[in-house]
Amino acid sequence: MKKRISLIMVTVFAIGILSACGHTNKKENDTSVSQVTETESIGAELVTTEPEGEITISELINQRIEEDDEIFFYTLGTSSRIPIVIACDSEVNIYSYNGKVLKSYYNMSDPNRETILDDIVNDEVDFSNYYISEWGHSWEKGDEKYTDEEHHAQLEITTDDTGEKAIMETIYSHSIGTEYTRSSEDGTWIENTREKNYSVLSFGTFERIKLDGKTYMTFCVKNDLNLIEYVIIPDNEFTKDKTIVYDTPGTEGISVNTIDYLKDYQAVAKEELEQLIVPSDSKKEESSQTEK
């Protein structure tokens, strides 16, 4: 049985690699599982070097906002119930956050309004082709419209039953306003006050990957359909050698358990993510002998 499980996992990893883009060149003396020929494509390689310290999610976000005025996130939704290999041709959604306002970026040149990760890796995103929308803003569409009165986005910690240990962290959008629906009978607008919270970015289990020579922080969750989703953030000098941990309850400016995100998202168990670490040839042989 163990042999069969191992074979399935290796197969899934290989599929992820072969479906990636061929933008990068083969590197000399590269013995990683991501090594391919120039005519093939590569998926992301898991970074397993020992970190030189740790920072919290809020420290990561605040430093990036202080340095660049905002932080960009890339989300990857999948139709898989097991962790997948992130690849150059993965299609992602783009968000930005400046500490107060959360924005979505829609690629109008793509049928799905998404962006190929390879374009982000190689700094080839042309935002002149994007429609940028602010979460919580006023809108009107046909017989419905919404007038925004107040909106903001902020971090939220979800804890375990003790209330002391963080098990997930989320940036959510809070919006208060008036929703209008046009009556089909006389055409008048029917008003309804609305207050809603949307879980936009959920930070689950942390891992670091390398793609085309650059490293990225990834956070993995499962949604309410048990499907895998990732938040991906490029590393910078401040984050590149550090592991990322949740903030602790009581951290200033971060709410705790005001919304039950566990109905929609849960962090993927670390053990489940580690199933996709494929050993090198020498370790494969040892592993094979052990399983017999």
C-alpha atoms as a PDB file:
ATOM      1  CA  MET A   1       0.000   0.000   0.000  1.00  0.00           C
ATOM      2  CA  LYS A   2       2.816   2.419   0.878  1.00  0.00           C
ATOM      3  CA  LYS A   3       4.421   1.730  -2.495  1.00  0.00           C
ATOM      4  CA  ARG A   4       1.181   2.545  -4.283  1.00  0.00           C
ATOM      5  CA  ILE A   5       0.734   5.837  -2.365  1.00  0.00           C
ATOM      6  CA  SER A   6       4.322   6.859  -3.124  1.00  0.00           C
ATOM      7  CA  LEU A   7       3.849   6.085  -6.800  1.00  0.00           C
ATOM      8  CA  ILE A   8       0.655   8.161  -6.954  1.00  0.00           C
ATOM      9  CA  MET A   9       2.382  11.132  -5.318  1.00  0.00           C
ATOM     10  CA  VAL A  10       5.365  10.969  -7.664  1.00  0.00           C
ATOM     11  CA  THR A  11       2.981  10.779 -10.624  1.00  0.00           C
ATOM     12  CA  VAL A  12       1.048  13.841  -9.452  1.00  0.00           C
ATOM     13  CA  PHE A  13       4.326  15.744  -9.041  1.00  0.00           C
ATOM     14  CA  ALA A  14       5.468  14.733 -12.504  1.00  0.00           C
ATOM     15  CA  ILE A  15       2.183  15.851 -14.064  1.00  0.00           C
ATOM     16  CA  GLY A  16       2.634  19.255 -12.430  1.00  0.00           C
ATOM     17  CA  ILE A  17       6.131  19.544 -13.846  1.00  0.00           C
ATOM     18  CA  LEU A  18       5.163  18.580 -17.385  1.00  0.00           C
ATOM     19  CA  SER A  19       2.249  21.019 -17.444  1.00  0.00           C
ATOM     20  CA  ALA A  20       4.489  23.964 -16.547  1.00  0.00           C
ATOM     21  CA  CYS A  21       5.889  26.466 -19.021  1.00  0.00           C
ATOM     22  CA  GLY A  22       9.219  26.167 -20.830  1.00  0.00           C
ATOM     23  CA  HIS A  23      10.440  29.683 -20.131  1.00  0.00           C
ATOM     24  CA  THR A  24      13.570  28.714 -18.209  1.00  0.00           C
ATOM     25  CA  ASN A  25      16.742  26.959 -19.320  1.00  0.00           C
ATOM     26  CA  LYS A  26      18.219  23.818 -17.889  1.00  0.00           C
ATOM     27  CA  LYS A  27      20.884  24.599 -15.281  1.00  0.00           C
ATOM     28  CA  GLU A  28      24.184  22.759 -15.041  1.00  0.00           C
ATOM     29  CA  ASN A  29      24.715  20.431 -12.058  1.00  0.00           C
ATOM     30  CA  ASP A  30      21.016  20.737 -11.108  1.00  0.00           C
ATOM     31  CA  THR A  31      20.031  17.451  -9.461  1.00  0.00           C
ATOM     32  CA  SER A  32      16.651  18.652  -8.144  1.00  0.00           C
ATOM     33  CA  VAL A  33      13.403  16.911  -9.084  1.00  0.00           C
ATOM     34  CA  SER A  34      12.518  19.964 -11.206  1.00  0.00           C
ATOM     35  CA  GLN A  35      15.427  19.336 -13.642  1.00  0.00           C
ATOM     36  CA  VAL A  36      14.203  18.997 -17.255  1.00  0.00           C
ATOM     37  CA  THR A  37      15.486  19.311 -20.782  1.00  0.00           C
ATOM     38  CA  GLU A  38      15.299  22.548 -22.761  1.00  0.00           C
ATOM     39  CA  THR A  39      12.273  21.270 -24.695  1.00  0.00           C
ATOM     40  CA  GLU A  40      10.395  20.392 -21.512  1.00  0.00           C
ATOM     41  CA  SER A  41       8.996  22.677 -18.844  1.00  0.00           C
ATOM     42  CA  ILE A  42       9.499  22.977 -15.112  1.00  0.00           C
ATOM     43  CA  GLY A  43       7.405  23.326 -12.004  1.00  0.00           C
ATOM     44  CA  ALA A  44       8.363  24.985  -8.755  1.00  0.00           C
ATOM     45  CA  GLU A  45      11.024  23.440  -6.527  1.00  0.00           C
ATOM     46  CA  LEU A  46      10.403  23.237  -2.792  1.00  0.00           C
ATOM     47  CA  VAL A  47      13.011  25.190  -0.784  1.00  0.00           C
ATOM     48  CA  THR A  48      14.208  23.068   2.144  1.00  0.00           C
ATOM     49  CA  THR A  49      17.172  25.082   3.442  1.00  0.00           C
ATOM     50  CA  GLU A  50      17.110  25.903   7.154  1.00  0.00           C
ATOM     51  CA  PRO A  51      15.602  29.374   7.798  1.00  0.00           C
ATOM     52  CA  GLU A  52      17.624  32.027   9.630  1.00  0.00           C
ATOM     53  CA  GLY A  53      14.756  33.289  11.756  1.00  0.00           C
ATOM     54  CA  GLU A  54      11.034  33.929  11.624  1.00  0.00           C
ATOM     55  CA  ILE A  55       8.640  36.818  11.073  1.00  0.00           C
ATOM     56  CA  THR A  56       4.894  37.100  11.450  1.00  0.00           C
ATOM     57  CA  ILE A  57       2.422  37.645   8.645  1.00  0.00           C
ATOM     58  CA  SER A  58       1.716  41.187   9.864  1.00  0.00           C
ATOM     59  CA  GLU A  59       5.456  41.987   9.941  1.00  0.00           C
ATOM     60  CA  LEU A  60       5.762  40.691   6.366  1.00  0.00           C
ATOM     61  CA  ILE A  61       2.828  42.827   5.193  1.00  0.00           C
ATOM     62  CA  ASN A  62       3.796  45.970   7.105  1.00  0.00           C
ATOM     63  CA  GLN A  63       7.403  45.903   5.873  1.00  0.00           C
ATOM     64  CA  ARG A  64       6.289  45.550   2.254  1.00  0.00           C
ATOM     65  CA  ILE A  65       3.768  48.397   2.600  1.00  0.00           C
ATOM     66  CA  GLU A  66       6.402  50.604   4.233  1.00  0.00           C
ATOM     67  CA  GLU A  67       8.842  49.864   1.409  1.00  0.00           C
ATOM     68  CA  ASP A  68       6.503  49.781  -1.615  1.00  0.00           C
ATOM     69  CA  ASP A  69       3.293  51.477  -0.361  1.00  0.00           C
ATOM     70  CA  GLU A  70       1.369  48.244  -0.977  1.00  0.00           C
ATOM     71  CA  ILE A  71       1.849  44.501  -1.096  1.00  0.00           C
ATOM     72  CA  PHE A  72       0.826  42.253  -3.990  1.00  0.00           C
ATOM     73  CA  PHE A  73      -0.611  38.765  -3.550  1.00  0.00           C
ATOM     74  CA  TYR A  74      -1.241  36.086  -6.170  1.00  0.00           C
ATOM     75  CA  THR A  75      -3.909  33.465  -5.507  1.00  0.00           C
ATOM     76  CA  LEU A  76      -4.155  30.081  -7.168  1.00  0.00           C
ATOM     77  CA  GLY A  77      -7.423  28.190  -6.949  1.00  0.00           C
ATOM     78  CA  THR A  78      -7.430  24.558  -8.038  1.00  0.00           C
ATOM     79  CA  SER A  79      -9.830  21.707  -8.729  1.00  0.00           C
ATOM     80  CA  SER A  80      -7.574  19.361  -6.747  1.00  0.00           C
ATOM     81  CA  ARG A  81      -8.178  17.908  -3.294  1.00  0.00           C
ATOM     82  CA  ILE A  82      -4.466  17.297  -2.775  1.00  0.00           C
ATOM     83  CA  PRO A  83      -1.609  19.858  -2.889  1.00  0.00           C
ATOM     84  CA  ILE A  84      -0.329  20.476  -6.420  1.00  0.00           C
ATOM     85  CA  VAL A  85       2.925  21.647  -7.949  1.00  0.00           C
ATOM     86  CA  ILE A  86       2.806  25.383  -8.679  1.00  0.00           C
ATOM     87  CA  ALA A  87       4.123  25.955 -12.191  1.00  0.00           C
ATOM     88  CA  CYS A  88       5.002  28.758 -14.616  1.00  0.00           C
ATOM     89  CA  ASP A  89       1.771  28.279 -16.540  1.00  0.00           C
ATOM     90  CA  SER A  90      -0.429  28.326 -13.432  1.00  0.00           C
ATOM     91  CA  GLU A  91      -3.174  30.945 -13.753  1.00  0.00           C
ATOM     92  CA  VAL A  92      -3.491  33.263 -10.758  1.00  0.00           C
ATOM     93  CA  ASN A  93      -5.594  36.182  -9.557  1.00  0.00           C
ATOM     94  CA  ILE A  94      -3.881  39.394  -8.437  1.00  0.00           C
ATOM     95  CA  TYR A  95      -4.663  41.443  -5.314  1.00  0.00           C
ATOM     96  CA  SER A  96      -3.002  44.381  -3.603  1.00  0.00           C
ATOM     97  CA  TYR A  97      -3.339  45.735  -0.069  1.00  0.00           C
ATOM     98  CA  ASN A  98      -2.083  49.011   1.439  1.00  0.00           C
ATOM     99  CA  GLY A  99      -3.109  48.382   5.045  1.00  0.00           C
ATOM    100  CA  LYS A 100      -6.623  49.722   4.551  1.00  0.00           C
ATOM    101  CA  VAL A 101      -7.847  49.109   1.034  1.00  0.00           C
ATOM    102  CA  LEU A 102      -7.884  45.798  -0.841  1.00  0.00           C
ATOM    103  CA  LYS A 103      -7.933  45.752  -4.657  1.00  0.00           C
ATOM    104  CA  SER A 104      -8.504  43.078  -7.298  1.00  0.00           C
ATOM    105  CA  TYR A 105      -6.842  43.177 -10.729  1.00  0.00           C
ATOM    106  CA  TYR A 106      -8.738  41.673 -13.674  1.00  0.00           C
ATOM    107  CA  ASN A 107      -6.782  40.825 -16.813  1.00  0.00           C
ATOM    108  CA  MET A 108      -9.166  41.979 -19.564  1.00  0.00           C
ATOM    109  CA  SER A 109      -7.083  40.245 -22.263  1.00  0.00           C
ATOM    110  CA  ASP A 110      -7.707  36.819 -20.676  1.00  0.00           C
ATOM    111  CA  PRO A 111     -11.089  35.013 -20.896  1.00  0.00           C
ATOM    112  CA  ASN A 112     -10.864  34.062 -17.202  1.00  0.00           C
ATOM    113  CA  ARG A 113      -9.545  37.510 -16.177  1.00  0.00           C
ATOM    114  CA  GLU A 114      -6.494  35.728 -14.738  1.00  0.00           C
ATOM    115  CA  THR A 115      -2.725  36.115 -15.183  1.00  0.00           C
ATOM    116  CA  ILE A 116      -0.118  33.503 -16.127  1.00  0.00           C
ATOM    117  CA  LEU A 117       2.348  33.170 -13.251  1.00  0.00           C
ATOM    118  CA  ASP A 118       5.251  33.200 -15.710  1.00  0.00           C
ATOM    119  CA  ASP A 119       4.384  36.823 -16.619  1.00  0.00           C
ATOM    120  CA  ILE A 120       4.673  37.767 -12.940  1.00  0.00           C
ATOM    121  CA  VAL A 121       7.937  35.847 -12.474  1.00  0.00           C
ATOM    122  CA  ASN A 122       9.452  37.706 -15.437  1.00  0.00           C
ATOM    123  CA  ASP A 123       7.931  41.146 -14.660  1.00  0.00           C
ATOM    124  CA  GLU A 124       5.892  41.129 -17.859  1.00  0.00           C
ATOM    125  CA  VAL A 125       2.473  42.120 -16.468  1.00  0.00           C
ATOM    126  CA  ASP A 126       1.014  45.078 -18.380  1.00  0.00           C
ATOM    127  CA  PHE A 127      -1.453  46.683 -15.977  1.00  0.00           C
ATOM    128  CA  SER A 128      -2.789  48.937 -18.730  1.00  0.00           C
ATOM    129  CA  ASN A 129      -4.806  45.854 -19.799  1.00  0.00           C
ATOM    130  CA  TYR A 130      -6.314  45.398 -16.326  1.00  0.00           C
ATOM    131  CA  TYR A 131      -9.542  46.538 -14.712  1.00  0.00           C
ATOM    132  CA  ILE A 132      -8.807  47.397 -11.065  1.00  0.00           C
ATOM    133  CA  SER A 133     -11.630  47.109  -8.536  1.00  0.00           C
ATOM    134  CA  GLU A 134     -11.633  48.189  -4.895  1.00  0.00           C
ATOM    135  CA  TRP A 135     -13.341  45.805  -2.483  1.00  0.00           C
ATOM    136  CA  GLY A 136     -16.461  47.369  -0.929  1.00  0.00           C
ATOM    137  CA  HIS A 137     -16.814  50.161  -3.514  1.00  0.00           C
ATOM    138  CA  SER A 138     -20.131  51.372  -4.969  1.00  0.00           C
ATOM    139  CA  TRP A 139     -21.384  49.612  -8.101  1.00  0.00           C
ATOM    140  CA  GLU A 140     -24.382  49.313 -10.405  1.00  0.00           C
ATOM    141  CA  LYS A 141     -25.353  46.425 -12.678  1.00  0.00           C
ATOM    142  CA  GLY A 142     -28.712  46.197 -14.405  1.00  0.00           C
ATOM    143  CA  ASP A 143     -31.514  46.112 -11.846  1.00  0.00           C
ATOM    144  CA  GLU A 144     -29.137  46.041  -8.882  1.00  0.00           C
ATOM    145  CA  LYS A 145     -26.785  48.593  -7.363  1.00  0.00           C
ATOM    146  CA  TYR A 146     -24.853  49.171  -4.174  1.00  0.00           C
ATOM    147  CA  THR A 147     -23.907  52.461  -2.511  1.00  0.00           C
ATOM    148  CA  ASP A 148     -20.875  52.157  -0.276  1.00  0.00           C
ATOM    149  CA  GLU A 149     -20.922  54.034   3.025  1.00  0.00           C
ATOM    150  CA  GLU A 150     -17.892  52.505   4.719  1.00  0.00           C
ATOM    151  CA  HIS A 151     -15.365  49.848   3.807  1.00  0.00           C
ATOM    152  CA  HIS A 152     -11.947  48.687   4.875  1.00  0.00           C
ATOM    153  CA  ALA A 153      -9.801  45.563   4.905  1.00  0.00           C
ATOM    154  CA  GLN A 154      -7.787  44.153   7.795  1.00  0.00           C
ATOM    155  CA  LEU A 155      -6.086  41.098   9.247  1.00  0.00           C
ATOM    156  CA  GLU A 156      -7.999  38.562  11.324  1.00  0.00           C
ATOM    157  CA  ILE A 157      -6.632  35.664  13.380  1.00  0.00           C
ATOM    158  CA  THR A 158      -8.548  32.393  13.654  1.00  0.00           C
ATOM    159  CA  THR A 159      -7.660  30.351  16.741  1.00  0.00           C
ATOM    160  CA  ASP A 160      -8.206  26.814  17.956  1.00  0.00           C
ATOM    161  CA  ASP A 161     -10.796  26.019  20.632  1.00  0.00           C
ATOM    162  CA  THR A 162      -8.525  27.331  23.394  1.00  0.00           C
ATOM    163  CA  GLY A 163      -8.511  30.795  21.840  1.00  0.00           C
ATOM    164  CA  GLU A 164      -4.750  30.969  22.416  1.00  0.00           C
ATOM    165  CA  LYS A 165      -3.226  29.300  19.363  1.00  0.00           C
ATOM    166  CA  ALA A 166      -3.586  30.790  15.852  1.00  0.00           C
ATOM    167  CA  ILE A 167      -4.411  28.176  13.194  1.00  0.00           C
ATOM    168  CA  MET A 168      -5.065  30.504  10.257  1.00  0.00           C
ATOM    169  CA  GLU A 169      -4.870  34.185   9.353  1.00  0.00           C
ATOM    170  CA  THR A 170      -7.007  36.115   6.893  1.00  0.00           C
ATOM    171  CA  ILE A 171      -7.285  39.503   5.227  1.00  0.00           C
ATOM    172  CA  TYR A 172     -10.994  40.228   5.092  1.00  0.00           C
ATOM    173  CA  SER A 173     -13.010  43.022   3.527  1.00  0.00           C
ATOM    174  CA  HIS A 174     -15.638  44.753   5.678  1.00  0.00           C
ATOM    175  CA  SER A 175     -18.348  46.722   3.905  1.00  0.00           C
ATOM    176  CA  ILE A 176     -21.395  48.729   5.070  1.00  0.00           C
ATOM    177  CA  GLY A 177     -23.777  50.299   2.578  1.00  0.00           C
ATOM    178  CA  THR A 178     -27.181  50.248   0.929  1.00  0.00           C
ATOM    179  CA  GLU A 179     -28.208  47.633  -1.609  1.00  0.00           C
ATOM    180  CA  TYR A 180     -30.881  48.543  -4.152  1.00  0.00           C
ATOM    181  CA  THR A 181     -33.028  46.187  -6.248  1.00  0.00           C
ATOM    182  CA  ARG A 182     -35.366  47.538  -8.919  1.00  0.00           C
ATOM    183  CA  SER A 183     -38.981  46.403  -8.526  1.00  0.00           C
ATOM    184  CA  SER A 184     -40.275  44.417 -11.505  1.00  0.00           C
ATOM    185  CA  GLU A 185     -43.751  45.838 -10.894  1.00  0.00           C
ATOM    186  CA  ASP A 186     -43.300  49.623 -10.871  1.00  0.00           C
ATOM    187  CA  GLY A 187     -39.563  50.110 -11.486  1.00  0.00           C
ATOM    188  CA  THR A 188     -38.869  51.736  -8.107  1.00  0.00           C
ATOM    189  CA  TRP A 189     -35.714  50.948  -6.144  1.00  0.00           C
ATOM    190  CA  ILE A 190     -36.139  48.775  -3.036  1.00  0.00           C
ATOM    191  CA  GLU A 191     -33.524  49.635  -0.378  1.00  0.00           C
ATOM    192  CA  ASN A 192     -31.818  47.230   1.975  1.00  0.00           C
ATOM    193  CA  THR A 193     -29.002  48.128   4.396  1.00  0.00           C
ATOM    194  CA  ARG A 194     -26.146  45.682   4.055  1.00  0.00           C
ATOM    195  CA  GLU A 195     -23.151  44.864   6.227  1.00  0.00           C
ATOM    196  CA  LYS A 196     -20.896  42.104   4.971  1.00  0.00           C
ATOM    197  CA  ASN A 197     -17.485  40.582   5.580  1.00  0.00           C
ATOM    198  CA  TYR A 198     -15.647  38.747   2.814  1.00  0.00           C
ATOM    199  CA  SER A 199     -12.703  36.430   3.385  1.00  0.00           C
ATOM    200  CA  VAL A 200     -10.437  37.446   0.498  1.00  0.00           C
ATOM    201  CA  LEU A 201      -6.943  36.140   1.326  1.00  0.00           C
ATOM    202  CA  SER A 202      -6.490  33.178   3.666  1.00  0.00           C
ATOM    203  CA  PHE A 203      -2.991  32.365   4.930  1.00  0.00           C
ATOM    204  CA  GLY A 204      -2.715  28.666   5.652  1.00  0.00           C
ATOM    205  CA  THR A 205       0.307  26.383   5.940  1.00  0.00           C
ATOM    206  CA  PHE A 206       3.566  28.058   4.914  1.00  0.00           C
ATOM    207  CA  GLU A 207       6.141  26.724   2.454  1.00  0.00           C
ATOM    208  CA  ARG A 208       8.756  28.410   0.283  1.00  0.00           C
ATOM    209  CA  ILE A 209       9.203  27.532  -3.397  1.00  0.00           C
ATOM    210  CA  LYS A 210      11.693  28.461  -6.119  1.00  0.00           C
ATOM    211  CA  LEU A 211      10.504  29.165  -9.637  1.00  0.00           C
ATOM    212  CA  ASP A 212      12.786  30.313 -12.441  1.00  0.00           C
ATOM    213  CA  GLY A 213      15.525  31.165  -9.950  1.00  0.00           C
ATOM    214  CA  LYS A 214      13.289  33.310  -7.695  1.00  0.00           C
ATOM    215  CA  THR A 215      11.787  32.337  -4.347  1.00  0.00           C
ATOM    216  CA  TYR A 216       8.178  32.763  -3.260  1.00  0.00           C
ATOM    217  CA  MET A 217       6.276  32.341  -0.010  1.00  0.00           C
ATOM    218  CA  THR A 218       3.191  30.144  -0.329  1.00  0.00           C
ATOM    219  CA  PHE A 219       0.286  29.603   2.061  1.00  0.00           C
ATOM    220  CA  CYS A 220      -2.000  26.623   1.466  1.00  0.00           C
ATOM    221  CA  VAL A 221      -5.654  26.205   2.526  1.00  0.00           C
ATOM    222  CA  LYS A 222      -8.645  24.039   1.620  1.00  0.00           C
ATOM    223  CA  ASN A 223     -11.981  25.668   0.870  1.00  0.00           C
ATOM    224  CA  ASP A 224     -15.442  24.448   1.867  1.00  0.00           C
ATOM    225  CA  LEU A 225     -15.426  22.040  -1.108  1.00  0.00           C
ATOM    226  CA  ASN A 226     -12.112  20.562   0.099  1.00  0.00           C
ATOM    227  CA  LEU A 227     -10.267  22.065  -2.893  1.00  0.00           C
ATOM    228  CA  ILE A 228      -6.725  23.403  -2.571  1.00  0.00           C
ATOM    229  CA  GLU A 229      -6.017  27.149  -2.762  1.00  0.00           C
ATOM    230  CA  TYR A 230      -2.707  29.020  -2.472  1.00  0.00           C
ATOM    231  CA  VAL A 231      -1.672  32.572  -1.646  1.00  0.00           C
ATOM    232  CA  ILE A 232       1.700  33.310  -3.297  1.00  0.00           C
ATOM    233  CA  ILE A 233       3.970  36.256  -2.369  1.00  0.00           C
ATOM    234  CA  PRO A 234       7.389  37.014  -3.917  1.00  0.00           C
ATOM    235  CA  ASP A 235      10.285  37.084  -1.455  1.00  0.00           C
ATOM    236  CA  ASN A 236      12.401  40.195  -0.870  1.00  0.00           C
ATOM    237  CA  GLU A 237      15.566  40.789   1.179  1.00  0.00           C
ATOM    238  CA  PHE A 238      13.546  41.039   4.382  1.00  0.00           C
ATOM    239  CA  THR A 239      11.734  37.712   3.980  1.00  0.00           C
ATOM    240  CA  LYS A 240      13.964  35.475   1.836  1.00  0.00           C
ATOM    241  CA  ASP A 241      15.755  33.589   4.633  1.00  0.00           C
ATOM    242  CA  LYS A 242      12.924  33.515   7.164  1.00  0.00           C
ATOM    243  CA  THR A 243      10.021  31.242   7.935  1.00  0.00           C
ATOM    244  CA  ILE A 244       6.611  32.913   8.235  1.00  0.00           C
ATOM    245  CA  VAL A 245       4.427  32.325  11.291  1.00  0.00           C
ATOM    246  CA  TYR A 246       0.980  33.448  12.403  1.00  0.00           C
ATOM    247  CA  ASP A 247       0.517  36.481  14.580  1.00  0.00           C
ATOM    248  CA  THR A 248      -0.525  35.829  18.177  1.00  0.00           C
ATOM    249  CA  PRO A 249      -3.925  36.779  19.603  1.00  0.00           C
ATOM    250  CA  GLY A 250      -3.652  40.214  21.187  1.00  0.00           C
ATOM    251  CA  THR A 251      -1.424  41.663  18.455  1.00  0.00           C
ATOM    252  CA  GLU A 252      -2.361  45.312  18.048  1.00  0.00           C
ATOM    253  CA  GLY A 253      -4.636  46.088  15.100  1.00  0.00           C
ATOM    254  CA  ILE A 254      -5.538  42.454  14.372  1.00  0.00           C
ATOM    255  CA  SER A 255      -8.996  41.150  15.231  1.00  0.00           C
ATOM    256  CA  VAL A 256      -9.539  37.622  16.574  1.00  0.00           C
ATOM    257  CA  ASN A 257     -12.372  35.184  15.785  1.00  0.00           C
ATOM    258  CA  THR A 258     -14.929  37.830  14.827  1.00  0.00           C
ATOM    259  CA  ILE A 259     -15.836  35.766  11.740  1.00  0.00           C
ATOM    260  CA  ASP A 260     -15.964  31.976  11.522  1.00  0.00           C
ATOM    261  CA  TYR A 261     -13.651  31.430   8.564  1.00  0.00           C
ATOM    262  CA  LEU A 262     -13.335  27.725   9.323  1.00  0.00           C
ATOM    263  CA  LYS A 263     -16.693  27.226   7.615  1.00  0.00           C
ATOM    264  CA  ASP A 264     -15.032  28.337   4.366  1.00  0.00           C
ATOM    265  CA  TYR A 265     -11.283  27.706   4.736  1.00  0.00           C
ATOM    266  CA  GLN A 266      -8.896  25.553   6.738  1.00  0.00           C
ATOM    267  CA  ALA A 267      -5.115  25.378   6.671  1.00  0.00           C
ATOM    268  CA  VAL A 268      -3.823  22.208   5.004  1.00  0.00           C
ATOM    269  CA  ALA A 269      -1.943  19.894   7.354  1.00  0.00           C
ATOM    270  CA  LYS A 270       1.847  20.148   6.988  1.00  0.00           C
ATOM    271  CA  GLU A 271       2.067  16.374   6.594  1.00  0.00           C
ATOM    272  CA  GLU A 272      -0.228  16.544   3.578  1.00  0.00           C
ATOM    273  CA  LEU A 273       1.981  19.147   1.900  1.00  0.00           C
ATOM    274  CA  GLU A 274       5.130  17.140   2.616  1.00  0.00           C
ATOM    275  CA  GLN A 275       3.728  14.157   0.705  1.00  0.00           C
ATOM    276  CA  LEU A 276       4.742  15.959  -2.481  1.00  0.00           C
ATOM    277  CA  ILE A 277       8.429  16.187  -1.581  1.00  0.00           C
ATOM    278  CA  VAL A 278      10.004  13.749  -4.040  1.00  0.00           C
ATOM    279  CA  PRO A 279      13.404  12.460  -2.872  1.00  0.00           C
ATOM    280  CA  SER A 280      16.544  12.530  -5.023  1.00  0.00           C
ATOM    281  CA  ASP A 281      17.569   9.304  -6.817  1.00  0.00           C
ATOM    282  CA  SER A 282      19.707   8.080  -3.920  1.00  0.00           C
ATOM    283  CA  LYS A 283      16.972   8.705  -1.386  1.00  0.00           C
ATOM    284  CA  LYS A 284      14.379   7.118  -3.681  1.00  0.00           C
ATOM    285  CA  GLU A 285      16.379   3.920  -3.610  1.00  0.00           C
ATOM    286  CA  GLU A 286      16.594   3.937   0.198  1.00  0.00           C
ATOM    287  CA  SER A 287      12.902   4.748   0.453  1.00  0.00           C
ATOM    288  CA  SER A 288      12.040   1.909  -1.908  1.00  0.00           C
ATOM    289  CA  GLN A 289      14.070  -0.572   0.152  1.00  0.00           C
ATOM    290  CA  THR A 290      12.388   0.587   3.367  1.00  0.00           C
ATOM    291  CA  GLU A 291       8.885   0.135   1.953  1.00  0.00           C
ATOM    292  CA  LYS A 292       9.475  -3.450   0.822  1.00  0.00           C
END
